[in-house]
């Protein structure tokens, strides 16, 4: 999913752990100012990494997937390779932070 919207439908942790290849879980909410401000730089960073699975998950109290990744602040981007966390970026301030994470999981 590469839209601006965070999905209220989160995958199960077991499903995420079984993913193959590069993926990014982005936790946040549509009303979060930090999340909205980060969208252009996240979009810029993903240019050239279209094959990376990008799943935007609406997070909040009682949301199991975010709690399983110990998400505290939004947006939090968790970079996964074959279901294993390789890196994370919390409240990115520039696209290079996100690009570095993408570089760790994607050879593009």
N, C-alpha and C. Protein backbone atom coordinates (compact mmCIF):
# COMPACT_ATOMS: atom_id res chain seq x y z
N UNK A 1 0.86 -1.17 0.00
CA UNK A 1 0.00 0.00 0.00
C UNK A 1 0.90 1.23 0.00
N UNK A 2 0.70 2.13 -0.91
CA UNK A 2 1.55 3.31 -0.97
C UNK A 2 0.72 4.58 -0.95
N UNK A 3 -0.51 4.50 -0.47
CA UNK A 3 -1.36 5.67 -0.41
C UNK A 3 -0.99 6.52 0.79
N UNK A 4 -1.65 7.65 0.92
CA UNK A 4 -1.43 8.53 2.06
C UNK A 4 -2.13 7.99 3.30
N UNK A 5 -3.07 7.08 3.14
CA UNK A 5 -3.90 6.61 4.25
C UNK A 5 -3.26 5.46 5.01
N UNK A 6 -3.47 5.47 6.32
CA UNK A 6 -3.06 4.35 7.16
C UNK A 6 -4.25 3.40 7.25
N UNK A 7 -4.00 2.12 7.05
CA UNK A 7 -5.08 1.14 7.06
C UNK A 7 -5.41 0.72 8.48
N UNK A 8 -6.71 0.69 8.82
CA UNK A 8 -7.10 0.17 10.13
C UNK A 8 -6.98 -1.35 10.20
N UNK A 9 -6.81 -2.00 9.05
CA UNK A 9 -6.68 -3.46 9.00
C UNK A 9 -5.20 -3.83 9.05
N UNK A 10 -4.77 -4.28 10.21
CA UNK A 10 -3.37 -4.62 10.35
C UNK A 10 -3.16 -6.11 10.12
N UNK A 11 -2.04 -6.47 9.48
CA UNK A 11 -1.74 -7.89 9.35
C UNK A 11 -1.37 -8.47 10.72
N UNK A 12 -1.52 -9.75 10.87
CA UNK A 12 -1.10 -10.42 12.10
C UNK A 12 0.42 -10.47 12.16
N UNK A 13 0.96 -10.46 13.35
CA UNK A 13 2.42 -10.50 13.51
C UNK A 13 3.00 -11.75 12.84
N UNK A 14 2.33 -12.88 12.95
CA UNK A 14 2.83 -14.12 12.33
C UNK A 14 2.91 -13.97 10.82
N UNK A 15 1.95 -13.25 10.23
CA UNK A 15 1.98 -13.00 8.79
C UNK A 15 3.18 -12.14 8.42
N UNK A 16 3.42 -11.09 9.19
CA UNK A 16 4.57 -10.20 8.93
C UNK A 16 5.86 -10.98 9.06
N UNK A 17 5.98 -11.78 10.10
CA UNK A 17 7.19 -12.57 10.32
C UNK A 17 7.46 -13.54 9.17
N UNK A 18 6.42 -13.93 8.43
CA UNK A 18 6.56 -14.89 7.33
C UNK A 18 6.80 -14.20 5.98
N UNK A 19 6.75 -12.86 5.92
CA UNK A 19 6.98 -12.16 4.66
C UNK A 19 8.37 -12.47 4.12
N UNK A 20 8.47 -12.55 2.80
CA UNK A 20 9.78 -12.72 2.17
C UNK A 20 10.13 -11.44 1.43
N UNK A 21 11.42 -11.19 1.34
CA UNK A 21 11.89 -9.99 0.65
C UNK A 21 11.84 -8.75 1.52
N UNK A 22 12.09 -7.58 0.91
CA UNK A 22 12.12 -6.33 1.66
C UNK A 22 10.72 -5.78 1.90
N UNK A 23 10.51 -5.22 3.09
CA UNK A 23 9.22 -4.62 3.42
C UNK A 23 9.43 -3.52 4.45
N UNK A 24 8.51 -2.56 4.43
CA UNK A 24 8.51 -1.50 5.44
C UNK A 24 7.12 -1.42 6.04
N UNK A 25 7.06 -1.52 7.35
CA UNK A 25 5.83 -1.25 8.09
C UNK A 25 5.91 0.18 8.57
N UNK A 26 4.93 0.98 8.22
CA UNK A 26 4.88 2.37 8.67
C UNK A 26 3.70 2.50 9.61
N UNK A 27 3.98 2.83 10.87
CA UNK A 27 2.95 3.00 11.88
C UNK A 27 2.66 4.48 12.07
N UNK A 28 1.38 4.83 12.10
CA UNK A 28 0.99 6.22 12.33
C UNK A 28 -0.51 6.36 12.31
N UNK A 29 -0.99 7.60 12.21
CA UNK A 29 -2.42 7.87 12.08
C UNK A 29 -2.61 9.04 11.12
N UNK A 30 -3.79 9.14 10.56
CA UNK A 30 -4.09 10.21 9.63
C UNK A 30 -4.15 11.58 10.28
N UNK A 31 -4.41 11.64 11.58
CA UNK A 31 -4.52 12.93 12.26
C UNK A 31 -3.21 13.40 12.88
N UNK A 32 -2.17 12.58 12.83
CA UNK A 32 -0.87 12.90 13.44
C UNK A 32 -0.12 13.92 12.58
N UNK A 33 0.20 15.06 13.15
CA UNK A 33 0.93 16.09 12.42
C UNK A 33 2.30 15.63 11.96
N UNK A 34 3.01 14.88 12.79
CA UNK A 34 4.33 14.36 12.41
C UNK A 34 4.21 13.41 11.22
N UNK A 35 3.14 12.59 11.23
CA UNK A 35 2.92 11.63 10.14
C UNK A 35 2.65 12.37 8.84
N UNK A 36 1.78 13.36 8.88
CA UNK A 36 1.46 14.13 7.67
C UNK A 36 2.69 14.87 7.15
N UNK A 37 3.47 15.46 8.05
CA UNK A 37 4.66 16.20 7.63
C UNK A 37 5.71 15.28 7.00
N UNK A 38 5.76 14.03 7.43
CA UNK A 38 6.77 13.09 6.92
C UNK A 38 6.42 12.49 5.57
N UNK A 39 5.15 12.56 5.15
CA UNK A 39 4.73 11.87 3.93
C UNK A 39 5.53 12.27 2.68
N UNK A 40 5.78 13.56 2.42
CA UNK A 40 6.55 13.89 1.21
C UNK A 40 7.96 13.30 1.22
N UNK A 41 8.63 13.34 2.36
CA UNK A 41 10.00 12.82 2.39
C UNK A 41 10.01 11.30 2.32
N UNK A 42 9.01 10.64 2.89
CA UNK A 42 8.92 9.19 2.77
C UNK A 42 8.66 8.82 1.30
N UNK A 43 7.78 9.55 0.65
CA UNK A 43 7.52 9.32 -0.77
C UNK A 43 8.75 9.51 -1.61
N UNK A 44 9.51 10.57 -1.34
CA UNK A 44 10.76 10.81 -2.06
C UNK A 44 11.74 9.65 -1.87
N UNK A 45 11.87 9.19 -0.65
CA UNK A 45 12.82 8.12 -0.34
C UNK A 45 12.46 6.82 -1.05
N UNK A 46 11.17 6.55 -1.21
CA UNK A 46 10.74 5.31 -1.84
C UNK A 46 10.91 5.31 -3.36
N UNK A 47 11.18 6.47 -3.96
CA UNK A 47 11.41 6.52 -5.41
C UNK A 47 12.59 5.60 -5.75
N UNK A 48 12.37 4.70 -6.66
CA UNK A 48 13.41 3.73 -7.02
C UNK A 48 13.35 2.44 -6.20
N UNK A 49 12.44 2.39 -5.26
CA UNK A 49 12.28 1.20 -4.42
C UNK A 49 10.84 0.69 -4.50
N UNK A 50 10.26 0.76 -5.69
CA UNK A 50 8.85 0.40 -5.86
C UNK A 50 8.57 -1.06 -5.53
N UNK A 51 9.57 -1.93 -5.61
CA UNK A 51 9.37 -3.34 -5.33
C UNK A 51 9.34 -3.65 -3.84
N UNK A 52 9.65 -2.67 -3.00
CA UNK A 52 9.61 -2.87 -1.55
C UNK A 52 8.15 -2.78 -1.09
N UNK A 53 7.71 -3.77 -0.38
CA UNK A 53 6.36 -3.77 0.18
C UNK A 53 6.30 -2.67 1.24
N UNK A 54 5.33 -1.77 1.11
CA UNK A 54 5.16 -0.65 2.05
C UNK A 54 3.75 -0.72 2.61
N UNK A 55 3.65 -1.08 3.87
CA UNK A 55 2.35 -1.26 4.51
C UNK A 55 2.20 -0.19 5.58
N UNK A 56 1.19 0.64 5.40
CA UNK A 56 0.92 1.72 6.34
C UNK A 56 -0.20 1.27 7.27
N UNK A 57 0.13 1.18 8.56
CA UNK A 57 -0.79 0.62 9.55
C UNK A 57 -1.20 1.72 10.53
N UNK A 58 -2.51 1.88 10.68
CA UNK A 58 -3.02 2.80 11.69
C UNK A 58 -2.70 2.22 13.06
N UNK A 59 -2.06 3.03 13.88
CA UNK A 59 -1.62 2.55 15.18
C UNK A 59 -2.38 3.28 16.29
N UNK A 60 -2.31 2.75 17.47
CA UNK A 60 -2.94 3.36 18.62
C UNK A 60 -3.11 2.36 19.74
N UNK A 61 -3.73 2.83 20.80
CA UNK A 61 -3.95 1.99 21.98
C UNK A 61 -4.70 0.71 21.58
N UNK A 62 -4.19 -0.40 22.06
CA UNK A 62 -4.85 -1.67 21.81
C UNK A 62 -4.58 -2.28 20.43
N UNK A 63 -3.70 -1.66 19.66
CA UNK A 63 -3.37 -2.19 18.33
C UNK A 63 -2.20 -3.17 18.49
N UNK A 64 -2.48 -4.43 18.26
CA UNK A 64 -1.52 -5.50 18.58
C UNK A 64 -0.22 -5.42 17.81
N UNK A 65 -0.28 -5.11 16.51
CA UNK A 65 0.95 -5.14 15.72
C UNK A 65 1.93 -4.06 16.18
N UNK A 66 1.44 -2.86 16.39
CA UNK A 66 2.32 -1.79 16.88
C UNK A 66 2.92 -2.12 18.23
N UNK A 67 2.13 -2.72 19.11
CA UNK A 67 2.65 -3.07 20.42
C UNK A 67 3.71 -4.16 20.29
N UNK A 68 3.52 -5.09 19.36
CA UNK A 68 4.50 -6.17 19.21
C UNK A 68 5.85 -5.64 18.72
N UNK A 69 5.84 -4.48 18.04
CA UNK A 69 7.08 -3.83 17.59
C UNK A 69 7.52 -2.71 18.54
N UNK A 70 6.84 -2.58 19.67
CA UNK A 70 7.19 -1.58 20.69
C UNK A 70 7.19 -0.16 20.14
N UNK A 71 6.19 0.15 19.30
CA UNK A 71 6.07 1.49 18.71
C UNK A 71 5.60 2.45 19.80
N UNK A 72 6.31 3.57 19.94
CA UNK A 72 5.97 4.58 20.94
C UNK A 72 5.60 5.92 20.31
N UNK A 73 6.24 6.28 19.19
CA UNK A 73 6.01 7.56 18.53
C UNK A 73 5.67 7.33 17.06
N UNK A 74 4.96 8.27 16.47
CA UNK A 74 4.58 8.19 15.07
C UNK A 74 5.22 9.31 14.28
N UNK A 75 5.48 9.11 13.02
CA UNK A 75 5.48 7.79 12.38
C UNK A 75 6.73 7.00 12.77
N UNK A 76 6.56 5.72 12.83
CA UNK A 76 7.68 4.79 13.00
C UNK A 76 7.70 3.88 11.78
N UNK A 77 8.85 3.83 11.12
CA UNK A 77 9.04 2.95 9.97
C UNK A 77 9.95 1.80 10.39
N UNK A 78 9.45 0.58 10.24
CA UNK A 78 10.20 -0.62 10.59
C UNK A 78 10.60 -1.28 9.27
N UNK A 79 11.91 -1.41 9.05
CA UNK A 79 12.46 -1.98 7.82
C UNK A 79 12.72 -3.46 8.06
N UNK A 80 12.10 -4.30 7.23
CA UNK A 80 12.17 -5.75 7.39
C UNK A 80 12.79 -6.41 6.18
N UNK A 81 13.55 -7.44 6.42
CA UNK A 81 14.08 -8.30 5.35
C UNK A 81 13.70 -9.72 5.73
N UNK A 82 12.86 -10.32 4.90
CA UNK A 82 12.37 -11.68 5.16
C UNK A 82 11.74 -11.79 6.55
N UNK A 83 10.94 -10.78 6.90
CA UNK A 83 10.19 -10.80 8.15
C UNK A 83 10.96 -10.43 9.40
N UNK A 84 12.24 -10.09 9.26
CA UNK A 84 13.08 -9.76 10.40
C UNK A 84 13.42 -8.27 10.37
N UNK A 85 13.24 -7.60 11.51
CA UNK A 85 13.57 -6.18 11.58
C UNK A 85 15.07 -5.97 11.42
N UNK A 86 15.42 -5.08 10.48
CA UNK A 86 16.81 -4.75 10.20
C UNK A 86 17.15 -3.35 10.72
N UNK A 87 16.15 -2.47 10.67
CA UNK A 87 16.36 -1.08 11.07
C UNK A 87 15.00 -0.46 11.34
N UNK A 88 15.02 0.71 11.99
CA UNK A 88 13.80 1.49 12.14
C UNK A 88 14.15 2.96 12.18
N UNK A 89 13.21 3.77 11.74
CA UNK A 89 13.34 5.22 11.78
C UNK A 89 12.09 5.76 12.45
N UNK A 90 12.29 6.59 13.45
CA UNK A 90 11.19 7.19 14.19
C UNK A 90 11.18 8.69 13.89
N UNK A 91 10.03 9.19 13.45
CA UNK A 91 9.84 10.59 13.11
C UNK A 91 10.97 11.13 12.23
N UNK A 92 11.08 10.57 11.02
CA UNK A 92 12.16 11.01 10.12
C UNK A 92 12.04 12.51 9.81
N UNK A 93 13.20 13.15 9.76
CA UNK A 93 13.26 14.57 9.45
C UNK A 93 13.73 14.85 8.03
N UNK A 94 14.32 13.84 7.38
CA UNK A 94 14.72 13.99 5.99
C UNK A 94 14.66 12.65 5.28
N UNK A 95 14.61 12.71 3.97
CA UNK A 95 14.46 11.50 3.16
C UNK A 95 15.68 10.58 3.28
N UNK A 96 16.85 11.14 3.57
CA UNK A 96 18.05 10.31 3.66
C UNK A 96 17.96 9.28 4.79
N UNK A 97 17.29 9.61 5.88
CA UNK A 97 17.11 8.64 6.97
C UNK A 97 16.35 7.42 6.46
N UNK A 98 15.32 7.68 5.69
CA UNK A 98 14.49 6.60 5.14
C UNK A 98 15.27 5.85 4.06
N UNK A 99 15.99 6.58 3.23
CA UNK A 99 16.80 5.93 2.17
C UNK A 99 17.83 4.97 2.77
N UNK A 100 18.45 5.37 3.87
CA UNK A 100 19.44 4.48 4.51
C UNK A 100 18.77 3.17 4.95
N UNK A 101 17.60 3.26 5.53
CA UNK A 101 16.88 2.06 5.92
C UNK A 101 16.53 1.19 4.72
N UNK A 102 16.06 1.85 3.65
CA UNK A 102 15.73 1.10 2.43
C UNK A 102 16.97 0.43 1.85
N UNK A 103 18.10 1.10 1.93
CA UNK A 103 19.34 0.53 1.41
C UNK A 103 19.76 -0.73 2.13
N UNK A 104 19.39 -0.85 3.40
CA UNK A 104 19.72 -2.04 4.17
C UNK A 104 18.88 -3.25 3.79
N UNK A 105 17.71 -3.02 3.22
CA UNK A 105 16.82 -4.15 2.90
C UNK A 105 16.63 -4.39 1.40
N UNK A 106 17.03 -3.40 0.59
CA UNK A 106 16.78 -3.48 -0.85
C UNK A 106 18.06 -3.12 -1.60
N UNK A 107 18.45 -3.98 -2.50
CA UNK A 107 19.67 -3.74 -3.27
C UNK A 107 19.51 -2.76 -4.41
N UNK A 108 18.29 -2.21 -4.64
CA UNK A 108 18.06 -1.31 -5.78
C UNK A 108 18.82 -0.02 -5.63
